[in-house]
Amino acid sequence: MEKVLFGERLKNAREASGMSQKTMANRIGVKPATVEKWETGKMDPRANRLQMLASLLNVPLLWLIAGSQKVPDPAAGVTREQMLLQKISDLDSIIDLLKSDLDELRVLAAAGD
């Protein structure tokens, strides 16, 4: 199975929500050209925009970032509480990944001394 890149996931989620690039850009405070660059893989959003994008598009943050979860089917009747619990779980996973990255950077920095 072919790996779907971040930009493709972002574009698919945006289109599924019925939003234009301009509308999405306005809602998160960036230029439409920035959204286009994200979707085409020419640029990645900053960390502070990722949660905004996931919330706006109503998709799990970890799915948007890494494609590691299925995007929820709106017809499945996912409750707000379930979505919030999923977002908490996603954030916990991201924190674990960041801690791991930080540990690796500390090891590399110590080795460079």
PDB file of N, CA and C in Angstrom:
ATOM      1  N   MET A   1       0.843  -1.186   0.000  1.00  0.00           N
ATOM      2  CA  MET A   1       0.000   0.000   0.000  1.00  0.00           C
ATOM      3  C   MET A   1       0.885   1.244   0.000  1.00  0.00           C
ATOM      4  N   GLU A   2       0.558   2.211  -0.820  1.00  0.00           N
ATOM      5  CA  GLU A   2       1.348   3.430  -0.958  1.00  0.00           C
ATOM      6  C   GLU A   2       1.141   4.341   0.248  1.00  0.00           C
ATOM      7  N   LYS A   3       2.226   4.908   0.715  1.00  0.00           N
ATOM      8  CA  LYS A   3       2.165   5.817   1.863  1.00  0.00           C
ATOM      9  C   LYS A   3       1.610   7.166   1.410  1.00  0.00           C
ATOM     10  N   VAL A   4       0.644   7.662   2.158  1.00  0.00           N
ATOM     11  CA  VAL A   4       0.060   8.969   1.860  1.00  0.00           C
ATOM     12  C   VAL A   4       0.825  10.019   2.655  1.00  0.00           C
ATOM     13  N   LEU A   5       1.288  11.045   1.982  1.00  0.00           N
ATOM     14  CA  LEU A   5       2.066  12.090   2.621  1.00  0.00           C
ATOM     15  C   LEU A   5       1.177  13.094   3.343  1.00  0.00           C
ATOM     16  N   PHE A   6       1.786  13.856   4.247  1.00  0.00           N
ATOM     17  CA  PHE A   6       1.046  14.846   5.031  1.00  0.00           C
ATOM     18  C   PHE A   6       0.197  15.750   4.140  1.00  0.00           C
ATOM     19  N   GLY A   7       0.807  16.309   3.102  1.00  0.00           N
ATOM     20  CA  GLY A   7       0.084  17.242   2.234  1.00  0.00           C
ATOM     21  C   GLY A   7      -1.148  16.626   1.606  1.00  0.00           C
ATOM     22  N   GLU A   8      -1.031  15.359   1.232  1.00  0.00           N
ATOM     23  CA  GLU A   8      -2.176  14.667   0.646  1.00  0.00           C
ATOM     24  C   GLU A   8      -3.274  14.448   1.681  1.00  0.00           C
ATOM     25  N   ARG A   9      -2.878  14.071   2.906  1.00  0.00           N
ATOM     26  CA  ARG A   9      -3.875  13.895   3.973  1.00  0.00           C
ATOM     27  C   ARG A   9      -4.569  15.220   4.256  1.00  0.00           C
ATOM     28  N   LEU A  10      -3.785  16.292   4.314  1.00  0.00           N
ATOM     29  CA  LEU A  10      -4.359  17.607   4.581  1.00  0.00           C
ATOM     30  C   LEU A  10      -5.350  17.994   3.488  1.00  0.00           C
ATOM     31  N   LYS A  11      -4.952  17.827   2.244  1.00  0.00           N
ATOM     32  CA  LYS A  11      -5.824  18.186   1.126  1.00  0.00           C
ATOM     33  C   LYS A  11      -7.094  17.333   1.127  1.00  0.00           C
ATOM     34  N   ASN A  12      -6.939  16.031   1.328  1.00  0.00           N
ATOM     35  CA  ASN A  12      -8.104  15.145   1.354  1.00  0.00           C
ATOM     36  C   ASN A  12      -9.072  15.520   2.468  1.00  0.00           C
ATOM     37  N   ALA A  13      -8.533  15.819   3.652  1.00  0.00           N
ATOM     38  CA  ALA A  13      -9.395  16.187   4.784  1.00  0.00           C
ATOM     39  C   ALA A  13     -10.076  17.527   4.522  1.00  0.00           C
ATOM     40  N   ARG A  14      -9.336  18.466   3.935  1.00  0.00           N
ATOM     41  CA  ARG A  14      -9.921  19.775   3.631  1.00  0.00           C
ATOM     42  C   ARG A  14     -11.045  19.630   2.617  1.00  0.00           C
ATOM     43  N   GLU A  15     -10.782  18.883   1.563  1.00  0.00           N
ATOM     44  CA  GLU A  15     -11.804  18.687   0.532  1.00  0.00           C
ATOM     45  C   GLU A  15     -13.013  17.934   1.082  1.00  0.00           C
ATOM     46  N   ALA A  16     -12.772  16.953   1.954  1.00  0.00           N
ATOM     47  CA  ALA A  16     -13.874  16.198   2.556  1.00  0.00           C
ATOM     48  C   ALA A  16     -14.746  17.090   3.431  1.00  0.00           C
ATOM     49  N   SER A  17     -14.132  18.126   3.997  1.00  0.00           N
ATOM     50  CA  SER A  17     -14.895  19.046   4.839  1.00  0.00           C
ATOM     51  C   SER A  17     -15.620  20.107   4.007  1.00  0.00           C
ATOM     52  N   GLY A  18     -15.335  20.138   2.702  1.00  0.00           N
ATOM     53  CA  GLY A  18     -15.988  21.101   1.821  1.00  0.00           C
ATOM     54  C   GLY A  18     -15.381  22.495   1.871  1.00  0.00           C
ATOM     55  N   MET A  19     -14.180  22.596   2.418  1.00  0.00           N
ATOM     56  CA  MET A  19     -13.525  23.893   2.552  1.00  0.00           C
ATOM     57  C   MET A  19     -12.587  24.167   1.386  1.00  0.00           C
ATOM     58  N   SER A  20     -12.516  25.413   0.995  1.00  0.00           N
ATOM     59  CA  SER A  20     -11.519  25.826   0.010  1.00  0.00           C
ATOM     60  C   SER A  20     -10.209  26.124   0.743  1.00  0.00           C
ATOM     61  N   GLN A  21      -9.127  26.230  -0.013  1.00  0.00           N
ATOM     62  CA  GLN A  21      -7.852  26.612   0.598  1.00  0.00           C
ATOM     63  C   GLN A  21      -7.975  27.990   1.242  1.00  0.00           C
ATOM     64  N   LYS A  22      -8.669  28.888   0.582  1.00  0.00           N
ATOM     65  CA  LYS A  22      -8.823  30.251   1.094  1.00  0.00           C
ATOM     66  C   LYS A  22      -9.589  30.256   2.414  1.00  0.00           C
ATOM     67  N   THR A  23     -10.667  29.492   2.488  1.00  0.00           N
ATOM     68  CA  THR A  23     -11.456  29.440   3.723  1.00  0.00           C
ATOM     69  C   THR A  23     -10.625  28.870   4.863  1.00  0.00           C
ATOM     70  N   MET A  24      -9.922  27.769   4.590  1.00  0.00           N
ATOM     71  CA  MET A  24      -9.099  27.164   5.630  1.00  0.00           C
ATOM     72  C   MET A  24      -8.008  28.136   6.071  1.00  0.00           C
ATOM     73  N   ALA A  25      -7.379  28.790   5.127  1.00  0.00           N
ATOM     74  CA  ALA A  25      -6.327  29.756   5.453  1.00  0.00           C
ATOM     75  C   ALA A  25      -6.860  30.862   6.349  1.00  0.00           C
ATOM     76  N   ASN A  26      -8.019  31.397   6.007  1.00  0.00           N
ATOM     77  CA  ASN A  26      -8.614  32.468   6.810  1.00  0.00           C
ATOM     78  C   ASN A  26      -8.927  32.007   8.227  1.00  0.00           C
ATOM     79  N   ARG A  27      -9.397  30.786   8.366  1.00  0.00           N
ATOM     80  CA  ARG A  27      -9.785  30.275   9.686  1.00  0.00           C
ATOM     81  C   ARG A  27      -8.603  30.017  10.608  1.00  0.00           C
ATOM     82  N   ILE A  28      -7.438  29.745  10.036  1.00  0.00           N
ATOM     83  CA  ILE A  28      -6.279  29.490  10.904  1.00  0.00           C
ATOM     84  C   ILE A  28      -5.244  30.606  10.853  1.00  0.00           C
ATOM     85  N   GLY A  29      -5.531  31.654  10.085  1.00  0.00           N
ATOM     86  CA  GLY A  29      -4.674  32.834  10.107  1.00  0.00           C
ATOM     87  C   GLY A  29      -3.417  32.760   9.270  1.00  0.00           C
ATOM     88  N   VAL A  30      -3.499  32.099   8.119  1.00  0.00           N
ATOM     89  CA  VAL A  30      -2.369  32.072   7.193  1.00  0.00           C
ATOM     90  C   VAL A  30      -2.852  32.483   5.811  1.00  0.00           C
ATOM     91  N   LYS A  31      -1.923  32.633   4.890  1.00  0.00           N
ATOM     92  CA  LYS A  31      -2.283  32.983   3.513  1.00  0.00           C
ATOM     93  C   LYS A  31      -2.682  31.720   2.756  1.00  0.00           C
ATOM     94  N   PRO A  32      -3.588  31.839   1.770  1.00  0.00           N
ATOM     95  CA  PRO A  32      -3.947  30.672   0.958  1.00  0.00           C
ATOM     96  C   PRO A  32      -2.724  30.019   0.299  1.00  0.00           C
ATOM     97  N   ALA A  33      -1.731  30.802  -0.057  1.00  0.00           N
ATOM     98  CA  ALA A  33      -0.511  30.244  -0.663  1.00  0.00           C
ATOM     99  C   ALA A  33       0.210  29.323   0.314  1.00  0.00           C
ATOM    100  N   THR A  34       0.109  29.618   1.596  1.00  0.00           N
ATOM    101  CA  THR A  34       0.728  28.767   2.616  1.00  0.00           C
ATOM    102  C   THR A  34       0.048  27.408   2.646  1.00  0.00           C
ATOM    103  N   VAL A  35      -1.285  27.411   2.599  1.00  0.00           N
ATOM    104  CA  VAL A  35      -2.037  26.152   2.576  1.00  0.00           C
ATOM    105  C   VAL A  35      -1.659  25.344   1.335  1.00  0.00           C
ATOM    106  N   GLU A  36      -1.537  26.031   0.211  1.00  0.00           N
ATOM    107  CA  GLU A  36      -1.149  25.343  -1.022  1.00  0.00           C
ATOM    108  C   GLU A  36       0.231  24.693  -0.872  1.00  0.00           C
ATOM    109  N   LYS A  37       1.170  25.402  -0.255  1.00  0.00           N
ATOM    110  CA  LYS A  37       2.515  24.856  -0.047  1.00  0.00           C
ATOM    111  C   LYS A  37       2.475  23.643   0.881  1.00  0.00           C
ATOM    112  N   TRP A  38       1.621  23.683   1.911  1.00  0.00           N
ATOM    113  CA  TRP A  38       1.480  22.526   2.802  1.00  0.00           C
ATOM    114  C   TRP A  38       0.959  21.330   2.021  1.00  0.00           C
ATOM    115  N   GLU A  39      -0.056  21.572   1.197  1.00  0.00           N
ATOM    116  CA  GLU A  39      -0.699  20.476   0.473  1.00  0.00           C
ATOM    117  C   GLU A  39       0.189  19.886  -0.611  1.00  0.00           C
ATOM    118  N   THR A  40       1.072  20.668  -1.151  1.00  0.00           N
ATOM    119  CA  THR A  40       1.962  20.178  -2.201  1.00  0.00           C
ATOM    120  C   THR A  40       3.302  19.685  -1.654  1.00  0.00           C
ATOM    121  N   GLY A  41       3.482  19.784  -0.353  1.00  0.00           N
ATOM    122  CA  GLY A  41       4.703  19.292   0.272  1.00  0.00           C
ATOM    123  C   GLY A  41       5.894  20.214   0.152  1.00  0.00           C
ATOM    124  N   LYS A  42       5.668  21.450  -0.283  1.00  0.00           N
ATOM    125  CA  LYS A  42       6.768  22.404  -0.416  1.00  0.00           C
ATOM    126  C   LYS A  42       7.157  23.019   0.927  1.00  0.00           C
ATOM    127  N   MET A  43       6.251  22.886   1.899  1.00  0.00           N
ATOM    128  CA  MET A  43       6.479  23.472   3.215  1.00  0.00           C
ATOM    129  C   MET A  43       5.627  22.695   4.215  1.00  0.00           C
ATOM    130  N   ASP A  44       6.092  22.598   5.450  1.00  0.00           N
ATOM    131  CA  ASP A  44       5.321  21.958   6.509  1.00  0.00           C
ATOM    132  C   ASP A  44       4.821  23.020   7.476  1.00  0.00           C
ATOM    133  N   PRO A  45       3.631  22.815   8.034  1.00  0.00           N
ATOM    134  CA  PRO A  45       3.127  23.792   9.007  1.00  0.00           C
ATOM    135  C   PRO A  45       3.928  23.741  10.298  1.00  0.00           C
ATOM    136  N   ARG A  46       3.963  24.850  10.976  1.00  0.00           N
ATOM    137  CA  ARG A  46       4.601  24.893  12.289  1.00  0.00           C
ATOM    138  C   ARG A  46       3.741  24.107  13.267  1.00  0.00           C
ATOM    139  N   ALA A  47       4.365  23.690  14.345  1.00  0.00           N
ATOM    140  CA  ALA A  47       3.684  22.843  15.336  1.00  0.00           C
ATOM    141  C   ALA A  47       2.405  23.477  15.869  1.00  0.00           C
ATOM    142  N   ASN A  48       2.418  24.789  16.066  1.00  0.00           N
ATOM    143  CA  ASN A  48       1.236  25.439  16.633  1.00  0.00           C
ATOM    144  C   ASN A  48       0.042  25.397  15.681  1.00  0.00           C
ATOM    145  N   ARG A  49       0.279  25.184  14.412  1.00  0.00           N
ATOM    146  CA  ARG A  49      -0.813  25.123  13.424  1.00  0.00           C
ATOM    147  C   ARG A  49      -1.403  23.715  13.306  1.00  0.00           C
ATOM    148  N   LEU A  50      -0.639  22.706  13.666  1.00  0.00           N
ATOM    149  CA  LEU A  50      -1.102  21.336  13.471  1.00  0.00           C
ATOM    150  C   LEU A  50      -2.377  21.032  14.251  1.00  0.00           C
ATOM    151  N   GLN A  51      -2.420  21.403  15.531  1.00  0.00           N
ATOM    152  CA  GLN A  51      -3.626  21.158  16.321  1.00  0.00           C
ATOM    153  C   GLN A  51      -4.792  21.967  15.783  1.00  0.00           C
ATOM    154  N   MET A  52      -4.513  23.186  15.345  1.00  0.00           N
ATOM    155  CA  MET A  52      -5.572  24.008  14.755  1.00  0.00           C
ATOM    156  C   MET A  52      -6.143  23.327  13.513  1.00  0.00           C
ATOM    157  N   LEU A  53      -5.278  22.789  12.683  1.00  0.00           N
ATOM    158  CA  LEU A  53      -5.722  22.112  11.468  1.00  0.00           C
ATOM    159  C   LEU A  53      -6.551  20.878  11.797  1.00  0.00           C
ATOM    160  N   ALA A  54      -6.066  20.065  12.732  1.00  0.00           N
ATOM    161  CA  ALA A  54      -6.788  18.850  13.109  1.00  0.00           C
ATOM    162  C   ALA A  54      -8.175  19.183  13.656  1.00  0.00           C
ATOM    163  N   SER A  55      -8.234  20.196  14.503  1.00  0.00           N
ATOM    164  CA  SER A  55      -9.531  20.596  15.070  1.00  0.00           C
ATOM    165  C   SER A  55     -10.458  21.141  13.998  1.00  0.00           C
ATOM    166  N   LEU A  56      -9.927  21.992  13.150  1.00  0.00           N
ATOM    167  CA  LEU A  56     -10.731  22.591  12.088  1.00  0.00           C
ATOM    168  C   LEU A  56     -11.282  21.533  11.147  1.00  0.00           C
ATOM    169  N   LEU A  57     -10.463  20.544  10.832  1.00  0.00           N
ATOM    170  CA  LEU A  57     -10.856  19.503   9.880  1.00  0.00           C
ATOM    171  C   LEU A  57     -11.544  18.318  10.552  1.00  0.00           C
ATOM    172  N   ASN A  58     -11.583  18.348  11.891  1.00  0.00           N
ATOM    173  CA  ASN A  58     -12.237  17.294  12.669  1.00  0.00           C
ATOM    174  C   ASN A  58     -11.621  15.919  12.396  1.00  0.00           C
ATOM    175  N   VAL A  59     -10.274  15.888  12.425  1.00  0.00           N
ATOM    176  CA  VAL A  59      -9.533  14.646  12.245  1.00  0.00           C
ATOM    177  C   VAL A  59      -8.563  14.485  13.411  1.00  0.00           C
ATOM    178  N   PRO A  60      -8.173  13.245  13.740  1.00  0.00           N
ATOM    179  CA  PRO A  60      -7.191  13.051  14.801  1.00  0.00           C
ATOM    180  C   PRO A  60      -5.846  13.684  14.432  1.00  0.00           C
ATOM    181  N   LEU A  61      -5.242  14.333  15.395  1.00  0.00           N
ATOM    182  CA  LEU A  61      -3.960  14.998  15.173  1.00  0.00           C
ATOM    183  C   LEU A  61      -2.898  14.015  14.693  1.00  0.00           C
ATOM    184  N   LEU A  62      -2.828  12.856  15.322  1.00  0.00           N
ATOM    185  CA  LEU A  62      -1.804  11.888  14.946  1.00  0.00           C
ATOM    186  C   LEU A  62      -2.024  11.371  13.526  1.00  0.00           C
ATOM    187  N   TRP A  63      -3.265  11.244  13.104  1.00  0.00           N
ATOM    188  CA  TRP A  63      -3.543  10.846  11.719  1.00  0.00           C
ATOM    189  C   TRP A  63      -3.037  11.922  10.761  1.00  0.00           C
ATOM    190  N   LEU A  64      -3.316  13.180  11.088  1.00  0.00           N
ATOM    191  CA  LEU A  64      -2.898  14.268  10.216  1.00  0.00           C
ATOM    192  C   LEU A  64      -1.378  14.316  10.101  1.00  0.00           C
ATOM    193  N   ILE A  65      -0.698  14.140  11.215  1.00  0.00           N
ATOM    194  CA  ILE A  65       0.762  14.225  11.226  1.00  0.00           C
ATOM    195  C   ILE A  65       1.412  13.006  10.570  1.00  0.00           C
ATOM    196  N   ALA A  66       0.982  11.817  10.980  1.00  0.00           N
ATOM    197  CA  ALA A  66       1.707  10.612  10.575  1.00  0.00           C
ATOM    198  C   ALA A  66       0.874   9.588   9.825  1.00  0.00           C
ATOM    199  N   GLY A  67      -0.414   9.820   9.719  1.00  0.00           N
ATOM    200  CA  GLY A  67      -1.262   8.863   9.020  1.00  0.00           C
ATOM    201  C   GLY A  67      -1.395   7.550   9.760  1.00  0.00           C
ATOM    202  N   SER A  68      -1.159   7.567  11.090  1.00  0.00           N
ATOM    203  CA  SER A  68      -1.116   6.324  11.850  1.00  0.00           C
ATOM    204  C   SER A  68      -2.468   5.853  12.360  1.00  0.00           C
ATOM    205  N   GLN A  69      -3.501   6.597  12.119  1.00  0.00           N
ATOM    206  CA  GLN A  69      -4.838   6.193  12.537  1.00  0.00           C
ATOM    207  C   GLN A  69      -5.801   6.422  11.392  1.00  0.00           C
ATOM    208  N   LYS A  70      -6.914   5.730  11.448  1.00  0.00           N
ATOM    209  CA  LYS A  70      -7.935   5.962  10.443  1.00  0.00           C
ATOM    210  C   LYS A  70      -8.620   7.284  10.721  1.00  0.00           C
ATOM    211  N   VAL A  71      -8.961   7.981   9.653  1.00  0.00           N
ATOM    212  CA  VAL A  71      -9.738   9.192   9.812  1.00  0.00           C
ATOM    213  C   VAL A  71     -11.161   8.756  10.153  1.00  0.00           C
ATOM    214  N   PRO A  72     -11.784   9.404  11.148  1.00  0.00           N
ATOM    215  CA  PRO A  72     -13.119   8.975  11.551  1.00  0.00           C
ATOM    216  C   PRO A  72     -14.159   9.223  10.461  1.00  0.00           C
ATOM    217  N   ASP A  73     -15.096   8.311  10.371  1.00  0.00           N
ATOM    218  CA  ASP A  73     -16.203   8.444   9.437  1.00  0.00           C
ATOM    219  C   ASP A  73     -17.286   9.280  10.104  1.00  0.00           C
ATOM    220  N   PRO A  74     -17.612  10.468   9.555  1.00  0.00           N
ATOM    221  CA  PRO A  74     -18.615  11.324  10.182  1.00  0.00           C
ATOM    222  C   PRO A  74     -19.970  10.622  10.340  1.00  0.00           C
ATOM    223  N   ALA A  75     -20.259   9.662   9.473  1.00  0.00           N
ATOM    224  CA  ALA A  75     -21.542   8.953   9.550  1.00  0.00           C
ATOM    225  C   ALA A  75     -21.560   7.944  10.696  1.00  0.00           C
ATOM    226  N   ALA A  76     -20.405   7.684  11.291  1.00  0.00           N
ATOM    227  CA  ALA A  76     -20.322   6.685  12.349  1.00  0.00           C
ATOM    228  C   ALA A  76     -20.878   7.195  13.673  1.00  0.00           C
ATOM    229  N   GLY A  77     -21.191   8.464  13.762  1.00  0.00           N
ATOM    230  CA  GLY A  77     -21.786   9.000  14.977  1.00  0.00           C
ATOM    231  C   GLY A  77     -20.811   9.141  16.134  1.00  0.00           C
ATOM    232  N   VAL A  78     -19.604   9.595  15.857  1.00  0.00           N
ATOM    233  CA  VAL A  78     -18.611   9.801  16.909  1.00  0.00           C
ATOM    234  C   VAL A  78     -19.048  10.991  17.757  1.00  0.00           C
ATOM    235  N   THR A  79     -19.095  10.781  19.068  1.00  0.00           N
ATOM    236  CA  THR A  79     -19.531  11.847  19.958  1.00  0.00           C
ATOM    237  C   THR A  79     -18.396  12.835  20.206  1.00  0.00           C
ATOM    238  N   ARG A  80     -18.752  14.008  20.683  1.00  0.00           N
ATOM    239  CA  ARG A  80     -17.758  15.027  21.015  1.00  0.00           C
ATOM    240  C   ARG A  80     -16.798  14.505  22.081  1.00  0.00           C
ATOM    241  N   GLU A  81     -17.339  13.788  23.048  1.00  0.00           N
ATOM    242  CA  GLU A  81     -16.501  13.230  24.110  1.00  0.00           C
ATOM    243  C   GLU A  81     -15.491  12.230  23.545  1.00  0.00           C
ATOM    244  N   GLN A  82     -15.926  11.390  22.613  1.00  0.00           N
ATOM    245  CA  GLN A  82     -15.017  10.435  21.996  1.00  0.00           C
ATOM    246  C   GLN A  82     -13.920  11.151  21.216  1.00  0.00           C
ATOM    247  N   MET A  83     -14.294  12.219  20.500  1.00  0.00           N
ATOM    248  CA  MET A  83     -13.293  12.985  19.750  1.00  0.00           C
ATOM    249  C   MET A  83     -12.285  13.631  20.696  1.00  0.00           C
ATOM    250  N   LEU A  84     -12.759  14.187  21.820  1.00  0.00           N
ATOM    251  CA  LEU A  84     -11.851  14.812  22.784  1.00  0.00           C
ATOM    252  C   LEU A  84     -10.913  13.775  23.396  1.00  0.00           C
ATOM    253  N   LEU A  85     -11.452  12.613  23.734  1.00  0.00           N
ATOM    254  CA  LEU A  85     -10.603  11.552  24.277  1.00  0.00           C
ATOM    255  C   LEU A  85      -9.561  11.113  23.257  1.00  0.00           C
ATOM    256  N   GLN A  86      -9.956  11.060  21.992  1.00  0.00           N
ATOM    257  CA  GLN A  86      -9.007  10.696  20.939  1.00  0.00           C
ATOM    258  C   GLN A  86      -7.917  11.757  20.811  1.00  0.00           C
ATOM    259  N   LYS A  87      -8.314  13.031  20.896  1.00  0.00           N
ATOM    260  CA  LYS A  87      -7.326  14.109  20.799  1.00  0.00           C
ATOM    261  C   LYS A  87      -6.342  14.048  21.958  1.00  0.00           C
ATOM    262  N   ILE A  88      -6.841  13.730  23.156  1.00  0.00           N
ATOM    263  CA  ILE A  88      -5.953  13.587  24.313  1.00  0.00           C
ATOM    264  C   ILE A  88      -4.973  12.449  24.075  1.00  0.00           C
ATOM    265  N   SER A  89      -5.482  11.342  23.569  1.00  0.00           N
ATOM    266  CA  SER A  89      -4.623  10.204  23.268  1.00  0.00           C
ATOM    267  C   SER A  89      -3.580  10.578  22.214  1.00  0.00           C
ATOM    268  N   ASP A  90      -4.006  11.303  21.186  1.00  0.00           N
ATOM    269  CA  ASP A  90      -3.087  11.752  20.141  1.00  0.00           C
ATOM    270  C   ASP A  90      -1.982  12.625  20.727  1.00  0.00           C
ATOM    271  N   LEU A  91      -2.371  13.555  21.584  1.00  0.00           N
ATOM    272  CA  LEU A  91      -1.388  14.449  22.189  1.00  0.00           C
ATOM    273  C   LEU A  91      -0.411  13.683  23.071  1.00  0.00           C
ATOM    274  N   ASP A  92      -0.921  12.692  23.819  1.00  0.00           N
ATOM    275  CA  ASP A  92      -0.038  11.856  24.631  1.00  0.00           C
ATOM    276  C   ASP A  92       0.989  11.134  23.751  1.00  0.00           C
ATOM    277  N   SER A  93       0.547  10.642  22.611  1.00  0.00           N
ATOM    278  CA  SER A  93       1.459   9.958  21.685  1.00  0.00           C
ATOM    279  C   SER A  93       2.509  10.913  21.142  1.00  0.00           C
ATOM    280  N   ILE A  94       2.083  12.112  20.811  1.00  0.00           N
ATOM    281  CA  ILE A  94       3.019  13.108  20.289  1.00  0.00           C
ATOM    282  C   ILE A  94       4.033  13.505  21.361  1.00  0.00           C
ATOM    283  N   ILE A  95       3.570  13.655  22.584  1.00  0.00           N
ATOM    284  CA  ILE A  95       4.479  13.983  23.692  1.00  0.00           C
ATOM    285  C   ILE A  95       5.523  12.882  23.845  1.00  0.00           C
ATOM    286  N   ASP A  96       5.080  11.619  23.768  1.00  0.00           N
ATOM    287  CA  ASP A  96       6.025  10.509  23.870  1.00  0.00           C
ATOM    288  C   ASP A  96       7.059  10.550  22.745  1.00  0.00           C
ATOM    289  N   LEU A  97       6.603  10.851  21.522  1.00  0.00           N
ATOM    290  CA  LEU A  97       7.527  10.956  20.390  1.00  0.00           C
ATOM    291  C   LEU A  97       8.523  12.094  20.599  1.00  0.00           C
ATOM    292  N   LEU A  98       8.033  13.223  21.088  1.00  0.00           N
ATOM    293  CA  LEU A  98       8.915  14.366  21.319  1.00  0.00           C
ATOM    294  C   LEU A  98       9.926  14.075  22.429  1.00  0.00           C
ATOM    295  N   LYS A  99       9.494  13.380  23.480  1.00  0.00           N
ATOM    296  CA  LYS A  99      10.414  13.009  24.550  1.00  0.00           C
ATOM    297  C   LYS A  99      11.515  12.100  24.012  1.00  0.00           C
ATOM    298  N   SER A 100      11.120  11.161  23.169  1.00  0.00           N
ATOM    299  CA  SER A 100      12.095  10.259  22.573  1.00  0.00           C
ATOM    300  C   SER A 100      13.096  11.035  21.716  1.00  0.00           C
ATOM    301  N   ASP A 101      12.584  11.965  20.906  1.00  0.00           N
ATOM    302  CA  ASP A 101      13.460  12.796  20.080  1.00  0.00           C
ATOM    303  C   ASP A 101      14.402  13.630  20.942  1.00  0.00           C
ATOM    304  N   LEU A 102      13.879  14.172  22.025  1.00  0.00           N
ATOM    305  CA  LEU A 102      14.695  14.979  22.928  1.00  0.00           C
ATOM    306  C   LEU A 102      15.798  14.137  23.557  1.00  0.00           C
ATOM    307  N   ASP A 103      15.467  12.924  23.963  1.00  0.00           N
ATOM    308  CA  ASP A 103      16.482  12.034  24.531  1.00  0.00           C
ATOM    309  C   ASP A 103      17.591  11.747  23.513  1.00  0.00           C
ATOM    310  N   GLU A 104      17.195  11.506  22.254  1.00  0.00           N
ATOM    311  CA  GLU A 104      18.187  11.257  21.209  1.00  0.00           C
ATOM    312  C   GLU A 104      19.072  12.474  20.985  1.00  0.00           C
ATOM    313  N   LEU A 105      18.464  13.653  21.002  1.00  0.00           N
ATOM    314  CA  LEU A 105      19.253  14.875  20.822  1.00  0.00           C
ATOM    315  C   LEU A 105      20.230  15.093  21.974  1.00  0.00           C
ATOM    316  N   ARG A 106      19.804  14.759  23.168  1.00  0.00           N
ATOM    317  CA  ARG A 106      20.699  14.892  24.335  1.00  0.00           C
ATOM    318  C   ARG A 106      21.896  13.956  24.204  1.00  0.00           C
ATOM    319  N   VAL A 107      21.646  12.748  23.743  1.00  0.00           N
ATOM    320  CA  VAL A 107      22.728  11.769  23.550  1.00  0.00           C
ATOM    321  C   VAL A 107      23.694  12.283  22.491  1.00  0.00           C
ATOM    322  N   LEU A 108      23.146  12.789  21.382  1.00  0.00           N
ATOM    323  CA  LEU A 108      24.006  13.318  20.315  1.00  0.00           C
ATOM    324  C   LEU A 108      24.805  14.530  20.781  1.00  0.00           C
ATOM    325  N   ALA A 109      24.142  15.405  21.561  1.00  0.00           N
ATOM    326  CA  ALA A 109      24.840  16.596  22.074  1.00  0.00           C
ATOM    327  C   ALA A 109      25.949  16.196  23.027  1.00  0.00           C
ATOM    328  N   ALA A 110      25.685  15.199  23.867  1.00  0.00           N
ATOM    329  CA  ALA A 110      26.697  14.745  24.830  1.00  0.00           C
ATOM    330  C   ALA A 110      27.872  14.097  24.101  1.00  0.00           C
ATOM    331  N   ALA A 111      27.577  13.396  23.021  1.00  0.00           N
ATOM    332  CA  ALA A 111      28.641  12.745  22.244  1.00  0.00           C
ATOM    333  C   ALA A 111      29.506  13.764  21.501  1.00  0.00           C
ATOM    334  N   GLY A 112      28.926  14.917  21.212  1.00  0.00           N
ATOM    335  CA  GLY A 112      29.648  15.956  20.482  1.00  0.00           C
ATOM    336  C   GLY A 112      30.529  16.821  21.356  1.00  0.00           C
ATOM    337  N   ASP A 113      30.365  16.677  22.659  1.00  0.00           N
ATOM    338  CA  ASP A 113      31.174  17.500  23.596  1.00  0.00           C
ATOM    339  C   ASP A 113      32.605  17.046  23.665  1.00  0.00           C
TER     340      ASP A 113
END
